[in-house]
Amino acid sequence: MNILYKINSTLKRFLPESAYSKTRLQLIKLYRNRLKTFSEAEIRELFYNLGIKKGSVVFVHSSMNQIKTEFPFYQLTDILLDIIGKEGTILFPCWQEIKDFDQYVRNGIVFDVKRTPTCLGILPELARRRKGSVRSLSPYNSVVAIGNNADYFVREHHLDELSLGKKSPLFKLAQENGIILGI
């Protein structure tokens, strides 16, 4: 795995962008071929072993390039929802790419809570688009939530002076003894 990262960074420095993009996809394919493939039963067992159960609050960080499943990857959210039941809540980071916040504000860019995509991967993006999901109004560090207490976790986020302050979803997650899950 380390060797693939070294090859990738070297290629990025020396190849034109179009050639690098093609080569990078081939490297990802090589890397993914070496990953263990998980069945749904193994994923469920892993989630249970991590303490995820009915009523859990789970903050999910994910990289679908880092996991291989026997089932369509988007079913991971459904599996989690099934495990936590109607009482639980799932949260995903749903930030947009803002390199310079001052410039973002000066340029008058509008943050559309319903339409502005996330730059944090396919699982959070699918969660954002999911019926019944609620996204915080914080343009810088928005969070999308699904489940019983979704509104509670995100409704005040934009009112906090700090994106990780006492009204933030992550602060509330800590207050509720939530679980942070890296997939």
C-alpha atoms as a PDB file:
ATOM      1  CA  MET A   1       0.000   0.000   0.000  1.00  0.00           C
ATOM      2  CA  ASN A   2       2.793   2.446   0.871  1.00  0.00           C
ATOM      3  CA  ILE A   3       4.460   1.874  -2.462  1.00  0.00           C
ATOM      4  CA  LEU A   4       1.250   2.849  -4.294  1.00  0.00           C
ATOM      5  CA  TYR A   5       1.147   6.163  -2.399  1.00  0.00           C
ATOM      6  CA  LYS A   6       4.784   6.859  -3.318  1.00  0.00           C
ATOM      7  CA  ILE A   7       4.135   6.026  -6.975  1.00  0.00           C
ATOM      8  CA  ASN A   8       1.031   8.240  -6.954  1.00  0.00           C
ATOM      9  CA  SER A   9       2.809  11.301  -5.514  1.00  0.00           C
ATOM     10  CA  THR A  10       5.719  10.904  -7.951  1.00  0.00           C
ATOM     11  CA  LEU A  11       3.395  10.587 -10.937  1.00  0.00           C
ATOM     12  CA  LYS A  12       1.424  13.646  -9.847  1.00  0.00           C
ATOM     13  CA  ARG A  13       4.595  15.757  -9.964  1.00  0.00           C
ATOM     14  CA  PHE A  14       5.756  14.595 -13.390  1.00  0.00           C
ATOM     15  CA  LEU A  15       2.702  13.728 -15.502  1.00  0.00           C
ATOM     16  CA  PRO A  16       0.309  16.125 -17.236  1.00  0.00           C
ATOM     17  CA  GLU A  17      -3.073  16.312 -15.425  1.00  0.00           C
ATOM     18  CA  SER A  18      -4.980  14.161 -17.965  1.00  0.00           C
ATOM     19  CA  ALA A  19      -2.369  11.379 -17.930  1.00  0.00           C
ATOM     20  CA  TYR A  20      -2.117  11.541 -14.143  1.00  0.00           C
ATOM     21  CA  SER A  21      -5.898  11.212 -13.727  1.00  0.00           C
ATOM     22  CA  LYS A  22      -5.973   8.069 -15.868  1.00  0.00           C
ATOM     23  CA  THR A  23      -2.980   6.549 -14.114  1.00  0.00           C
ATOM     24  CA  ARG A  24      -4.390   7.401 -10.676  1.00  0.00           C
ATOM     25  CA  LEU A  25      -7.564   5.457 -11.480  1.00  0.00           C
ATOM     26  CA  GLN A  26      -5.443   2.430 -12.403  1.00  0.00           C
ATOM     27  CA  LEU A  27      -3.527   2.729  -9.123  1.00  0.00           C
ATOM     28  CA  ILE A  28      -6.793   2.879  -7.171  1.00  0.00           C
ATOM     29  CA  LYS A  29      -7.954  -0.251  -8.995  1.00  0.00           C
ATOM     30  CA  LEU A  30      -4.697  -2.047  -8.077  1.00  0.00           C
ATOM     31  CA  TYR A  31      -5.078  -0.957  -4.455  1.00  0.00           C
ATOM     32  CA  ARG A  32      -8.731  -1.998  -4.259  1.00  0.00           C
ATOM     33  CA  ASN A  33      -7.928  -5.432  -5.690  1.00  0.00           C
ATOM     34  CA  ARG A  34      -5.724  -6.024  -2.625  1.00  0.00           C
ATOM     35  CA  LEU A  35      -8.467  -5.092  -0.140  1.00  0.00           C
ATOM     36  CA  LYS A  36     -10.461  -7.702   1.736  1.00  0.00           C
ATOM     37  CA  THR A  37     -14.044  -7.907   0.478  1.00  0.00           C
ATOM     38  CA  PHE A  38     -16.658  -7.648   3.249  1.00  0.00           C
ATOM     39  CA  SER A  39     -20.014  -9.396   3.197  1.00  0.00           C
ATOM     40  CA  GLU A  40     -23.082  -7.735   4.701  1.00  0.00           C
ATOM     41  CA  ALA A  41     -22.928 -10.152   7.633  1.00  0.00           C
ATOM     42  CA  GLU A  42     -19.299  -9.182   8.330  1.00  0.00           C
ATOM     43  CA  ILE A  43     -20.149  -5.468   8.162  1.00  0.00           C
ATOM     44  CA  ARG A  44     -23.076  -5.945  10.557  1.00  0.00           C
ATOM     45  CA  GLU A  45     -20.871  -7.912  12.970  1.00  0.00           C
ATOM     46  CA  LEU A  46     -18.190  -5.216  12.782  1.00  0.00           C
ATOM     47  CA  PHE A  47     -20.748  -2.482  13.533  1.00  0.00           C
ATOM     48  CA  TYR A  48     -22.152  -4.479  16.476  1.00  0.00           C
ATOM     49  CA  ASN A  49     -18.613  -5.080  17.805  1.00  0.00           C
ATOM     50  CA  LEU A  50     -18.011  -1.313  17.682  1.00  0.00           C
ATOM     51  CA  GLY A  51     -20.995  -0.817  19.979  1.00  0.00           C
ATOM     52  CA  ILE A  52     -23.495   0.338  17.383  1.00  0.00           C
ATOM     53  CA  LYS A  53     -26.981  -0.781  18.429  1.00  0.00           C
ATOM     54  CA  LYS A  54     -30.613   0.326  18.580  1.00  0.00           C
ATOM     55  CA  GLY A  55     -30.793   4.010  19.483  1.00  0.00           C
ATOM     56  CA  SER A  56     -27.128   4.760  18.740  1.00  0.00           C
ATOM     57  CA  VAL A  57     -26.008   8.123  17.429  1.00  0.00           C
ATOM     58  CA  VAL A  58     -23.266   7.561  14.844  1.00  0.00           C
ATOM     59  CA  PHE A  59     -21.090  10.132  13.065  1.00  0.00           C
ATOM     60  CA  VAL A  60     -19.776   8.477   9.889  1.00  0.00           C
ATOM     61  CA  HIS A  61     -16.516   9.378   8.170  1.00  0.00           C
ATOM     62  CA  SER A  62     -16.079   7.372   4.994  1.00  0.00           C
ATOM     63  CA  SER A  63     -13.874   6.724   2.006  1.00  0.00           C
ATOM     64  CA  MET A  64     -15.352   4.259  -0.410  1.00  0.00           C
ATOM     65  CA  ASN A  65     -11.916   3.831  -2.033  1.00  0.00           C
ATOM     66  CA  GLN A  66     -10.764   2.235   1.235  1.00  0.00           C
ATOM     67  CA  ILE A  67     -13.372  -0.511   1.553  1.00  0.00           C
ATOM     68  CA  LYS A  68     -14.672  -3.264  -0.696  1.00  0.00           C
ATOM     69  CA  THR A  69     -18.065  -4.873  -0.191  1.00  0.00           C
ATOM     70  CA  GLU A  70     -19.918  -7.771  -1.805  1.00  0.00           C
ATOM     71  CA  PHE A  71     -22.984  -5.527  -1.950  1.00  0.00           C
ATOM     72  CA  PRO A  72     -23.498  -2.035  -3.404  1.00  0.00           C
ATOM     73  CA  PHE A  73     -21.627   0.435  -1.147  1.00  0.00           C
ATOM     74  CA  TYR A  74     -24.631   2.752  -0.808  1.00  0.00           C
ATOM     75  CA  GLN A  75     -26.374   0.030   1.226  1.00  0.00           C
ATOM     76  CA  LEU A  76     -23.986   0.793   4.116  1.00  0.00           C
ATOM     77  CA  THR A  77     -26.304   3.642   5.158  1.00  0.00           C
ATOM     78  CA  ASP A  78     -29.339   1.329   5.040  1.00  0.00           C
ATOM     79  CA  ILE A  79     -27.479  -1.272   7.115  1.00  0.00           C
ATOM     80  CA  LEU A  80     -26.605   1.339   9.742  1.00  0.00           C
ATOM     81  CA  LEU A  81     -30.180   2.640   9.793  1.00  0.00           C
ATOM     82  CA  ASP A  82     -31.448  -0.909  10.251  1.00  0.00           C
ATOM     83  CA  ILE A  83     -29.091  -1.508  13.182  1.00  0.00           C
ATOM     84  CA  ILE A  84     -29.803   1.787  15.002  1.00  0.00           C
ATOM     85  CA  GLY A  85     -33.540   1.521  14.354  1.00  0.00           C
ATOM     86  CA  LYS A  86     -36.064   4.348  14.491  1.00  0.00           C
ATOM     87  CA  GLU A  87     -34.591   5.577  17.784  1.00  0.00           C
ATOM     88  CA  GLY A  88     -31.097   6.233  16.377  1.00  0.00           C
ATOM     89  CA  THR A  89     -29.490   8.955  14.283  1.00  0.00           C
ATOM     90  CA  ILE A  90     -26.707   8.941  11.700  1.00  0.00           C
ATOM     91  CA  LEU A  91     -24.634  12.041  10.930  1.00  0.00           C
ATOM     92  CA  PHE A  92     -22.211  12.668   8.073  1.00  0.00           C
ATOM     93  CA  PRO A  93     -19.820  15.573   7.551  1.00  0.00           C
ATOM     94  CA  CYS A  94     -21.196  17.480   4.581  1.00  0.00           C
ATOM     95  CA  TRP A  95     -18.718  20.315   4.032  1.00  0.00           C
ATOM     96  CA  GLN A  96     -18.322  22.062   0.758  1.00  0.00           C
ATOM     97  CA  GLU A  97     -14.932  22.994  -0.619  1.00  0.00           C
ATOM     98  CA  ILE A  98     -14.047  26.491   0.573  1.00  0.00           C
ATOM     99  CA  LYS A  99     -10.351  27.296   0.300  1.00  0.00           C
ATOM    100  CA  ASP A 100     -10.626  30.930   1.392  1.00  0.00           C
ATOM    101  CA  PHE A 101     -13.712  31.757   3.466  1.00  0.00           C
ATOM    102  CA  ASP A 102     -13.182  35.545   3.238  1.00  0.00           C
ATOM    103  CA  GLN A 103     -13.087  35.353  -0.545  1.00  0.00           C
ATOM    104  CA  TYR A 104     -16.110  33.064  -0.517  1.00  0.00           C
ATOM    105  CA  VAL A 105     -18.077  35.731   1.360  1.00  0.00           C
ATOM    106  CA  ARG A 106     -16.715  38.617  -0.769  1.00  0.00           C
ATOM    107  CA  ASN A 107     -17.723  36.832  -3.982  1.00  0.00           C
ATOM    108  CA  GLY A 108     -21.298  36.510  -2.745  1.00  0.00           C
ATOM    109  CA  ILE A 109     -21.420  32.747  -3.267  1.00  0.00           C
ATOM    110  CA  VAL A 110     -24.709  31.368  -2.008  1.00  0.00           C
ATOM    111  CA  PHE A 111     -24.772  28.254   0.164  1.00  0.00           C
ATOM    112  CA  ASP A 112     -27.898  26.340  -0.856  1.00  0.00           C
ATOM    113  CA  VAL A 113     -28.527  23.858   1.926  1.00  0.00           C
ATOM    114  CA  LYS A 114     -30.589  21.672  -0.441  1.00  0.00           C
ATOM    115  CA  ARG A 115     -28.328  21.771  -3.517  1.00  0.00           C
ATOM    116  CA  THR A 116     -24.727  22.621  -2.620  1.00  0.00           C
ATOM    117  CA  PRO A 117     -22.830  19.321  -2.873  1.00  0.00           C
ATOM    118  CA  THR A 118     -20.324  18.071  -0.357  1.00  0.00           C
ATOM    119  CA  CYS A 119     -16.661  17.512  -1.205  1.00  0.00           C
ATOM    120  CA  LEU A 120     -16.358  14.676   1.325  1.00  0.00           C
ATOM    121  CA  GLY A 121     -17.277  11.713  -0.818  1.00  0.00           C
ATOM    122  CA  ILE A 122     -20.136   9.726  -2.224  1.00  0.00           C
ATOM    123  CA  LEU A 123     -21.675   8.385   1.018  1.00  0.00           C
ATOM    124  CA  PRO A 124     -22.189  11.850   2.590  1.00  0.00           C
ATOM    125  CA  GLU A 125     -23.440  13.148  -0.771  1.00  0.00           C
ATOM    126  CA  LEU A 126     -26.005  10.345  -1.011  1.00  0.00           C
ATOM    127  CA  ALA A 127     -27.006  11.013   2.602  1.00  0.00           C
ATOM    128  CA  ARG A 128     -27.468  14.710   1.746  1.00  0.00           C
ATOM    129  CA  ARG A 129     -29.805  13.774  -1.102  1.00  0.00           C
ATOM    130  CA  ARG A 130     -31.723  11.165   0.900  1.00  0.00           C
ATOM    131  CA  LYS A 131     -35.382  11.831   1.625  1.00  0.00           C
ATOM    132  CA  GLY A 132     -35.814  12.817   5.260  1.00  0.00           C
ATOM    133  CA  SER A 133     -32.235  13.990   5.740  1.00  0.00           C
ATOM    134  CA  VAL A 134     -31.595  17.349   7.402  1.00  0.00           C
ATOM    135  CA  ARG A 135     -28.507  19.458   6.714  1.00  0.00           C
ATOM    136  CA  SER A 136     -27.159  22.118   9.028  1.00  0.00           C
ATOM    137  CA  LEU A 137     -27.154  25.682   7.730  1.00  0.00           C
ATOM    138  CA  SER A 138     -23.474  26.205   8.526  1.00  0.00           C
ATOM    139  CA  PRO A 139     -21.870  26.871   5.134  1.00  0.00           C
ATOM    140  CA  TYR A 140     -18.371  26.023   6.339  1.00  0.00           C
ATOM    141  CA  ASN A 141     -18.745  22.785   8.308  1.00  0.00           C
ATOM    142  CA  SER A 142     -22.242  21.571   7.518  1.00  0.00           C
ATOM    143  CA  VAL A 143     -23.431  18.197   8.751  1.00  0.00           C
ATOM    144  CA  VAL A 144     -26.254  16.065   7.383  1.00  0.00           C
ATOM    145  CA  ALA A 145     -28.324  13.948   9.755  1.00  0.00           C
ATOM    146  CA  ILE A 146     -30.789  11.109   9.231  1.00  0.00           C
ATOM    147  CA  GLY A 147     -32.986   9.576  11.887  1.00  0.00           C
ATOM    148  CA  ASN A 148     -34.961  10.225  15.030  1.00  0.00           C
ATOM    149  CA  ASN A 149     -33.055  13.250  16.348  1.00  0.00           C
ATOM    150  CA  ALA A 150     -31.708  14.608  13.058  1.00  0.00           C
ATOM    151  CA  ASP A 151     -33.205  18.062  13.598  1.00  0.00           C
ATOM    152  CA  TYR A 152     -31.839  18.316  17.150  1.00  0.00           C
ATOM    153  CA  PHE A 153     -28.274  17.742  15.966  1.00  0.00           C
ATOM    154  CA  VAL A 154     -28.253  20.271  13.109  1.00  0.00           C
ATOM    155  CA  ARG A 155     -30.864  22.987  13.777  1.00  0.00           C
ATOM    156  CA  GLU A 156     -28.659  25.386  15.787  1.00  0.00           C
ATOM    157  CA  HIS A 157     -25.315  24.779  14.110  1.00  0.00           C
ATOM    158  CA  HIS A 158     -25.363  28.053  12.136  1.00  0.00           C
ATOM    159  CA  LEU A 159     -26.086  30.040  15.326  1.00  0.00           C
ATOM    160  CA  ASP A 160     -22.820  29.020  16.967  1.00  0.00           C
ATOM    161  CA  GLU A 161     -19.857  31.399  16.747  1.00  0.00           C
ATOM    162  CA  LEU A 162     -17.596  28.364  16.467  1.00  0.00           C
ATOM    163  CA  SER A 163     -18.266  25.648  13.928  1.00  0.00           C
ATOM    164  CA  LEU A 164     -17.439  23.103  16.648  1.00  0.00           C
ATOM    165  CA  GLY A 165     -18.993  25.024  19.556  1.00  0.00           C
ATOM    166  CA  LYS A 166     -21.756  24.059  21.980  1.00  0.00           C
ATOM    167  CA  LYS A 167     -24.490  24.226  19.325  1.00  0.00           C
ATOM    168  CA  SER A 168     -22.570  22.120  16.819  1.00  0.00           C
ATOM    169  CA  PRO A 169     -23.516  18.566  15.880  1.00  0.00           C
ATOM    170  CA  LEU A 170     -20.143  17.257  17.100  1.00  0.00           C
ATOM    171  CA  PHE A 171     -20.548  18.850  20.526  1.00  0.00           C
ATOM    172  CA  LYS A 172     -24.048  17.383  20.777  1.00  0.00           C
ATOM    173  CA  LEU A 173     -22.683  14.024  19.609  1.00  0.00           C
ATOM    174  CA  ALA A 174     -20.228  14.061  22.511  1.00  0.00           C
ATOM    175  CA  GLN A 175     -23.030  15.037  24.938  1.00  0.00           C
ATOM    176  CA  GLU A 176     -25.086  12.054  23.733  1.00  0.00           C
ATOM    177  CA  ASN A 177     -22.133   9.619  23.989  1.00  0.00           C
ATOM    178  CA  GLY A 178     -22.245   9.151  20.247  1.00  0.00           C
ATOM    179  CA  ILE A 179     -19.940   6.968  18.200  1.00  0.00           C
ATOM    180  CA  ILE A 180     -17.576   8.211  15.521  1.00  0.00           C
ATOM    181  CA  LEU A 181     -17.279   5.546  12.832  1.00  0.00           C
ATOM    182  CA  GLY A 182     -14.561   5.505  10.183  1.00  0.00           C
ATOM    183  CA  ILE A 183     -15.457   3.438   7.140  1.00  0.00           C
END
